[in-house]
Amino acid sequence: MARIDAWVWSVRLYKTRSAAAEACRAGHVKLNDAAVKPAQTVAVGDRVRAWVNHREHIVEVTELVSKRVGASHARQCYVDHSPPPPPKEVLASIPRRDRGAGRPTKRERRQIDQLRGR
C-alpha cells in the first residue's frame, strides 16, 4: 500500500510531494471518483483523477511506488486514460488580456460576461 500523495508525486504527476499533498487537501486529486486526503492508501487497479496545470489526468494504477522514480519507469506504473489536450487552434482563439493591462474596467467586464453568456 502507498499513500496517494506519495504515489502521484513518485509517478511524476506533481513536482513536489508537498504540492501533491496540497492538491489532495484542495480536492484536485480523486481516488475512484471520491475526494481523498493525502494519507489515503492507493491499491493496484484504482483510478486516480488529478487536476494538474489546468488539465485533468485520469490514470489507472498498475504498480505501487512510494519513492520517486525515473520518467521511463513512472510511465509503467500507470495506464493513462486522460482525454487528449484541446487543439492549438482552440487555445489560440481564447481571448486573453495583455500582460500588465491591469484589471478589466466595468465595460470590459460586461463584455466578458456577455461573451460567456451570463
N, C-alpha and C. Protein backbone atom coordinates (compact mmCIF):
# COMPACT_ATOMS: atom_id res chain seq x y z
N MET A 1 0.83 -1.18 0.00
CA MET A 1 0.00 0.00 0.00
C MET A 1 0.88 1.25 0.00
N ALA A 2 0.42 2.26 -0.69
CA ALA A 2 1.15 3.52 -0.75
C ALA A 2 0.16 4.67 -0.53
N ARG A 3 0.66 5.75 0.03
CA ARG A 3 -0.17 6.94 0.21
C ARG A 3 -0.42 7.58 -1.15
N ILE A 4 -1.61 8.18 -1.30
CA ILE A 4 -1.97 8.79 -2.58
C ILE A 4 -1.06 9.97 -2.91
N ASP A 5 -0.71 10.79 -1.91
CA ASP A 5 0.15 11.94 -2.21
C ASP A 5 1.55 11.49 -2.62
N ALA A 6 2.06 10.44 -1.98
CA ALA A 6 3.38 9.92 -2.34
C ALA A 6 3.34 9.26 -3.72
N TRP A 7 2.24 8.60 -4.05
CA TRP A 7 2.16 7.91 -5.33
C TRP A 7 2.10 8.90 -6.50
N VAL A 8 1.22 9.93 -6.40
CA VAL A 8 1.13 10.88 -7.52
C VAL A 8 2.41 11.68 -7.67
N TRP A 9 3.14 11.87 -6.58
CA TRP A 9 4.45 12.54 -6.66
C TRP A 9 5.49 11.60 -7.28
N SER A 10 5.49 10.34 -6.87
CA SER A 10 6.52 9.42 -7.35
C SER A 10 6.35 9.06 -8.82
N VAL A 11 5.14 9.12 -9.36
CA VAL A 11 4.95 8.86 -10.79
C VAL A 11 4.99 10.15 -11.61
N ARG A 12 5.42 11.23 -10.96
CA ARG A 12 5.71 12.50 -11.62
C ARG A 12 4.49 13.25 -12.15
N LEU A 13 3.34 13.10 -11.50
CA LEU A 13 2.20 13.95 -11.84
C LEU A 13 2.36 15.33 -11.19
N TYR A 14 2.98 15.37 -10.02
CA TYR A 14 3.28 16.62 -9.33
C TYR A 14 4.78 16.72 -9.11
N LYS A 15 5.31 17.96 -9.10
CA LYS A 15 6.75 18.16 -8.97
C LYS A 15 7.27 17.88 -7.57
N THR A 16 6.48 18.23 -6.55
CA THR A 16 6.94 18.01 -5.17
C THR A 16 5.87 17.26 -4.39
N ARG A 17 6.30 16.60 -3.34
CA ARG A 17 5.35 15.87 -2.52
C ARG A 17 4.43 16.83 -1.79
N SER A 18 4.96 17.98 -1.38
CA SER A 18 4.10 18.96 -0.69
C SER A 18 3.05 19.51 -1.65
N ALA A 19 3.39 19.68 -2.92
CA ALA A 19 2.39 20.11 -3.91
C ALA A 19 1.33 19.04 -4.10
N ALA A 20 1.73 17.78 -4.09
CA ALA A 20 0.78 16.68 -4.21
C ALA A 20 -0.16 16.63 -3.01
N ALA A 21 0.40 16.81 -1.80
CA ALA A 21 -0.43 16.80 -0.60
C ALA A 21 -1.40 17.97 -0.59
N GLU A 22 -0.93 19.14 -1.02
CA GLU A 22 -1.79 20.32 -1.08
C GLU A 22 -2.92 20.12 -2.09
N ALA A 23 -2.61 19.49 -3.22
CA ALA A 23 -3.64 19.20 -4.22
C ALA A 23 -4.68 18.24 -3.67
N CYS A 24 -4.26 17.27 -2.88
CA CYS A 24 -5.20 16.34 -2.24
C CYS A 24 -6.12 17.09 -1.28
N ARG A 25 -5.53 17.97 -0.46
CA ARG A 25 -6.32 18.73 0.50
C ARG A 25 -7.32 19.66 -0.20
N ALA A 26 -6.93 20.18 -1.37
CA ALA A 26 -7.79 21.11 -2.10
C ALA A 26 -8.85 20.39 -2.92
N GLY A 27 -8.80 19.06 -3.00
CA GLY A 27 -9.80 18.31 -3.75
C GLY A 27 -9.46 18.12 -5.21
N HIS A 28 -8.20 18.38 -5.61
CA HIS A 28 -7.80 18.23 -7.00
C HIS A 28 -7.40 16.81 -7.34
N VAL A 29 -7.28 15.95 -6.35
CA VAL A 29 -6.95 14.54 -6.58
C VAL A 29 -8.12 13.70 -6.08
N LYS A 30 -8.62 12.83 -6.96
CA LYS A 30 -9.73 11.96 -6.58
C LYS A 30 -9.32 10.51 -6.82
N LEU A 31 -9.73 9.67 -5.90
CA LEU A 31 -9.44 8.24 -5.99
C LEU A 31 -10.77 7.53 -6.18
N ASN A 32 -10.93 6.87 -7.32
CA ASN A 32 -12.19 6.20 -7.67
C ASN A 32 -13.37 7.18 -7.54
N ASP A 33 -13.20 8.38 -8.07
CA ASP A 33 -14.20 9.45 -8.11
C ASP A 33 -14.62 9.97 -6.75
N ALA A 34 -13.78 9.83 -5.74
CA ALA A 34 -14.06 10.39 -4.41
C ALA A 34 -12.86 11.23 -3.98
N ALA A 35 -13.13 12.42 -3.46
CA ALA A 35 -12.05 13.27 -2.96
C ALA A 35 -11.36 12.58 -1.80
N VAL A 36 -10.06 12.71 -1.73
CA VAL A 36 -9.28 11.99 -0.72
C VAL A 36 -8.36 12.94 0.04
N LYS A 37 -7.97 12.49 1.23
CA LYS A 37 -6.95 13.18 2.00
C LYS A 37 -5.59 12.64 1.58
N PRO A 38 -4.50 13.36 1.88
CA PRO A 38 -3.18 12.90 1.44
C PRO A 38 -2.77 11.53 1.95
N ALA A 39 -3.26 11.10 3.11
CA ALA A 39 -2.84 9.82 3.69
C ALA A 39 -3.65 8.63 3.18
N GLN A 40 -4.62 8.85 2.31
CA GLN A 40 -5.43 7.75 1.77
C GLN A 40 -4.53 6.77 1.03
N THR A 41 -4.76 5.48 1.21
CA THR A 41 -3.93 4.49 0.54
C THR A 41 -4.49 4.17 -0.85
N VAL A 42 -3.57 3.87 -1.75
CA VAL A 42 -3.92 3.54 -3.11
C VAL A 42 -3.51 2.09 -3.36
N ALA A 43 -4.30 1.37 -4.17
CA ALA A 43 -4.01 -0.02 -4.48
C ALA A 43 -4.00 -0.21 -5.99
N VAL A 44 -3.43 -1.31 -6.44
CA VAL A 44 -3.38 -1.61 -7.86
C VAL A 44 -4.82 -1.76 -8.37
N GLY A 45 -5.10 -1.14 -9.50
CA GLY A 45 -6.44 -1.19 -10.09
C GLY A 45 -7.28 0.04 -9.80
N ASP A 46 -6.85 0.89 -8.87
CA ASP A 46 -7.58 2.11 -8.56
C ASP A 46 -7.44 3.12 -9.70
N ARG A 47 -8.45 3.98 -9.84
CA ARG A 47 -8.39 5.07 -10.81
C ARG A 47 -8.14 6.37 -10.07
N VAL A 48 -7.15 7.10 -10.53
CA VAL A 48 -6.78 8.37 -9.91
C VAL A 48 -7.04 9.47 -10.93
N ARG A 49 -7.80 10.50 -10.50
CA ARG A 49 -8.05 11.68 -11.33
C ARG A 49 -7.33 12.84 -10.68
N ALA A 50 -6.43 13.46 -11.40
CA ALA A 50 -5.65 14.58 -10.85
C ALA A 50 -5.75 15.78 -11.79
N TRP A 51 -6.02 16.94 -11.21
CA TRP A 51 -6.08 18.18 -11.98
C TRP A 51 -4.71 18.85 -11.84
N VAL A 52 -3.93 18.83 -12.94
CA VAL A 52 -2.56 19.34 -12.92
C VAL A 52 -2.38 20.31 -14.08
N ASN A 53 -1.89 21.51 -13.79
CA ASN A 53 -1.60 22.51 -14.83
C ASN A 53 -2.77 22.73 -15.79
N HIS A 54 -3.95 22.95 -15.23
CA HIS A 54 -5.17 23.24 -16.00
C HIS A 54 -5.57 22.10 -16.92
N ARG A 55 -5.20 20.86 -16.57
CA ARG A 55 -5.55 19.68 -17.34
C ARG A 55 -5.89 18.54 -16.42
N GLU A 56 -6.85 17.73 -16.80
CA GLU A 56 -7.22 16.58 -15.98
C GLU A 56 -6.47 15.35 -16.48
N HIS A 57 -5.84 14.66 -15.54
CA HIS A 57 -5.16 13.41 -15.84
C HIS A 57 -5.93 12.28 -15.17
N ILE A 58 -6.31 11.28 -15.95
CA ILE A 58 -7.02 10.11 -15.44
C ILE A 58 -6.11 8.91 -15.66
N VAL A 59 -5.65 8.31 -14.57
CA VAL A 59 -4.71 7.19 -14.67
C VAL A 59 -5.21 6.02 -13.83
N GLU A 60 -4.86 4.83 -14.29
CA GLU A 60 -5.18 3.60 -13.56
C GLU A 60 -3.88 3.04 -13.00
N VAL A 61 -3.86 2.75 -11.72
CA VAL A 61 -2.65 2.30 -11.04
C VAL A 61 -2.34 0.86 -11.44
N THR A 62 -1.10 0.63 -11.91
CA THR A 62 -0.68 -0.72 -12.25
C THR A 62 0.47 -1.19 -11.36
N GLU A 63 1.17 -0.25 -10.73
CA GLU A 63 2.28 -0.61 -9.85
C GLU A 63 2.36 0.42 -8.73
N LEU A 64 2.62 -0.05 -7.52
CA LEU A 64 2.73 0.84 -6.37
C LEU A 64 4.19 1.22 -6.16
N VAL A 65 4.43 2.52 -6.07
CA VAL A 65 5.76 3.05 -5.75
C VAL A 65 5.57 4.16 -4.74
N SER A 66 6.49 4.26 -3.80
CA SER A 66 6.40 5.33 -2.82
C SER A 66 7.60 6.25 -2.86
N LYS A 67 8.62 5.88 -3.62
CA LYS A 67 9.79 6.73 -3.83
C LYS A 67 9.77 7.22 -5.27
N ARG A 68 10.27 8.43 -5.49
CA ARG A 68 10.27 9.00 -6.84
C ARG A 68 11.15 8.15 -7.76
N VAL A 69 10.62 7.86 -8.95
CA VAL A 69 11.32 7.00 -9.90
C VAL A 69 11.56 7.78 -11.18
N GLY A 70 12.38 7.22 -12.05
CA GLY A 70 12.67 7.85 -13.33
C GLY A 70 11.43 7.93 -14.21
N ALA A 71 11.47 8.82 -15.19
CA ALA A 71 10.31 9.05 -16.04
C ALA A 71 9.89 7.80 -16.81
N SER A 72 10.85 7.03 -17.30
CA SER A 72 10.51 5.83 -18.06
C SER A 72 9.84 4.79 -17.16
N HIS A 73 10.32 4.63 -15.94
CA HIS A 73 9.70 3.69 -15.00
C HIS A 73 8.36 4.22 -14.51
N ALA A 74 8.24 5.53 -14.36
CA ALA A 74 6.99 6.13 -13.89
C ALA A 74 5.85 5.85 -14.86
N ARG A 75 6.13 5.89 -16.17
CA ARG A 75 5.09 5.63 -17.17
C ARG A 75 4.59 4.19 -17.12
N GLN A 76 5.40 3.29 -16.59
CA GLN A 76 4.99 1.89 -16.49
C GLN A 76 4.15 1.63 -15.24
N CYS A 77 4.06 2.60 -14.35
CA CYS A 77 3.32 2.43 -13.10
C CYS A 77 1.84 2.74 -13.24
N TYR A 78 1.42 3.24 -14.41
CA TYR A 78 0.01 3.56 -14.61
C TYR A 78 -0.36 3.43 -16.08
N VAL A 79 -1.67 3.30 -16.31
CA VAL A 79 -2.23 3.32 -17.66
C VAL A 79 -2.97 4.64 -17.79
N ASP A 80 -2.61 5.42 -18.78
CA ASP A 80 -3.17 6.76 -18.95
C ASP A 80 -4.50 6.69 -19.71
N HIS A 81 -5.56 7.19 -19.09
CA HIS A 81 -6.88 7.27 -19.72
C HIS A 81 -7.30 8.72 -19.90
N SER A 82 -6.35 9.64 -19.88
CA SER A 82 -6.65 11.07 -19.96
C SER A 82 -7.18 11.44 -21.33
N PRO A 83 -8.11 12.41 -21.38
CA PRO A 83 -8.57 12.89 -22.68
C PRO A 83 -7.44 13.66 -23.37
N PRO A 84 -7.43 13.67 -24.69
CA PRO A 84 -6.36 14.40 -25.38
C PRO A 84 -6.48 15.90 -25.12
N PRO A 85 -5.37 16.62 -25.17
CA PRO A 85 -5.45 18.07 -24.95
C PRO A 85 -6.20 18.73 -26.10
N PRO A 86 -6.79 19.90 -25.86
CA PRO A 86 -7.51 20.58 -26.95
C PRO A 86 -6.54 21.01 -28.05
N PRO A 87 -7.03 21.12 -29.28
CA PRO A 87 -6.15 21.54 -30.38
C PRO A 87 -5.61 22.96 -30.14
N LYS A 88 -4.47 23.23 -30.71
CA LYS A 88 -3.83 24.54 -30.53
C LYS A 88 -4.69 25.67 -31.10
N GLU A 89 -5.50 25.38 -32.11
CA GLU A 89 -6.37 26.41 -32.69
C GLU A 89 -7.39 26.89 -31.66
N VAL A 90 -7.92 25.96 -30.87
CA VAL A 90 -8.90 26.32 -29.85
C VAL A 90 -8.24 27.17 -28.77
N LEU A 91 -7.05 26.77 -28.34
CA LEU A 91 -6.34 27.54 -27.32
C LEU A 91 -5.98 28.94 -27.82
N ALA A 92 -5.64 29.06 -29.10
CA ALA A 92 -5.27 30.36 -29.65
C ALA A 92 -6.48 31.27 -29.79
N SER A 93 -7.69 30.70 -29.95
CA SER A 93 -8.88 31.52 -30.14
C SER A 93 -9.44 32.07 -28.84
N ILE A 94 -8.96 31.60 -27.69
CA ILE A 94 -9.44 32.10 -26.41
C ILE A 94 -8.89 33.50 -26.18
N PRO A 95 -9.78 34.48 -25.96
CA PRO A 95 -9.28 35.86 -25.77
C PRO A 95 -8.51 35.98 -24.45
N ARG A 96 -7.41 36.72 -24.50
CA ARG A 96 -6.59 36.95 -23.31
C ARG A 96 -6.24 38.42 -23.23
N ARG A 97 -6.11 38.88 -21.99
CA ARG A 97 -5.70 40.27 -21.78
C ARG A 97 -4.18 40.37 -21.88
N ASP A 98 -3.73 41.50 -22.33
CA ASP A 98 -2.29 41.74 -22.37
C ASP A 98 -1.75 41.74 -20.96
N ARG A 99 -0.55 41.21 -20.82
CA ARG A 99 0.08 41.17 -19.52
C ARG A 99 0.38 42.58 -19.04
N GLY A 100 0.02 42.87 -17.80
CA GLY A 100 0.26 44.20 -17.25
C GLY A 100 -0.82 45.20 -17.59
N ALA A 101 -1.92 44.75 -18.20
CA ALA A 101 -3.00 45.67 -18.58
C ALA A 101 -3.87 46.03 -17.39
N GLY A 102 -3.66 45.39 -16.25
CA GLY A 102 -4.46 45.69 -15.07
C GLY A 102 -5.80 45.00 -15.07
N ARG A 103 -6.62 45.37 -14.11
CA ARG A 103 -7.94 44.75 -14.00
C ARG A 103 -8.84 45.27 -15.10
N PRO A 104 -9.82 44.45 -15.52
CA PRO A 104 -10.75 44.93 -16.55
C PRO A 104 -11.64 46.03 -16.00
N THR A 105 -12.01 46.95 -16.88
CA THR A 105 -12.94 48.00 -16.50
C THR A 105 -14.35 47.43 -16.41
N LYS A 106 -15.28 48.24 -15.91
CA LYS A 106 -16.66 47.77 -15.79
C LYS A 106 -17.23 47.42 -17.16
N ARG A 107 -16.92 48.24 -18.16
CA ARG A 107 -17.39 47.98 -19.51
C ARG A 107 -16.81 46.68 -20.04
N GLU A 108 -15.51 46.44 -19.80
CA GLU A 108 -14.88 45.21 -20.26
C GLU A 108 -15.45 43.99 -19.53
N ARG A 109 -15.78 44.13 -18.24
CA ARG A 109 -16.38 43.01 -17.50
C ARG A 109 -17.75 42.67 -18.07
N ARG A 110 -18.53 43.69 -18.42
CA ARG A 110 -19.83 43.43 -19.04
C ARG A 110 -19.67 42.69 -20.36
N GLN A 111 -18.68 43.09 -21.16
CA GLN A 111 -18.43 42.42 -22.43
C GLN A 111 -17.99 40.97 -22.23
N ILE A 112 -17.18 40.75 -21.21
CA ILE A 112 -16.74 39.38 -20.90
C ILE A 112 -17.93 38.53 -20.46
N ASP A 113 -18.78 39.08 -19.59
CA ASP A 113 -19.97 38.36 -19.14
C ASP A 113 -20.90 38.04 -20.30
N GLN A 114 -21.06 39.01 -21.21
CA GLN A 114 -21.93 38.79 -22.37
C GLN A 114 -21.33 37.71 -23.28
N LEU A 115 -20.02 37.71 -23.42
CA LEU A 115 -19.35 36.70 -24.24
C LEU A 115 -19.53 35.31 -23.65
N ARG A 116 -19.48 35.22 -22.32
CA ARG A 116 -19.62 33.93 -21.63
C ARG A 116 -21.09 33.51 -21.49
N GLY A 117 -22.02 34.39 -21.86
CA GLY A 117 -23.45 34.04 -21.81
C GLY A 117 -24.08 34.19 -20.45
N ARG A 118 -23.57 35.08 -19.64
CA ARG A 118 -24.13 35.29 -18.30
C ARG A 118 -25.15 36.39 -18.29
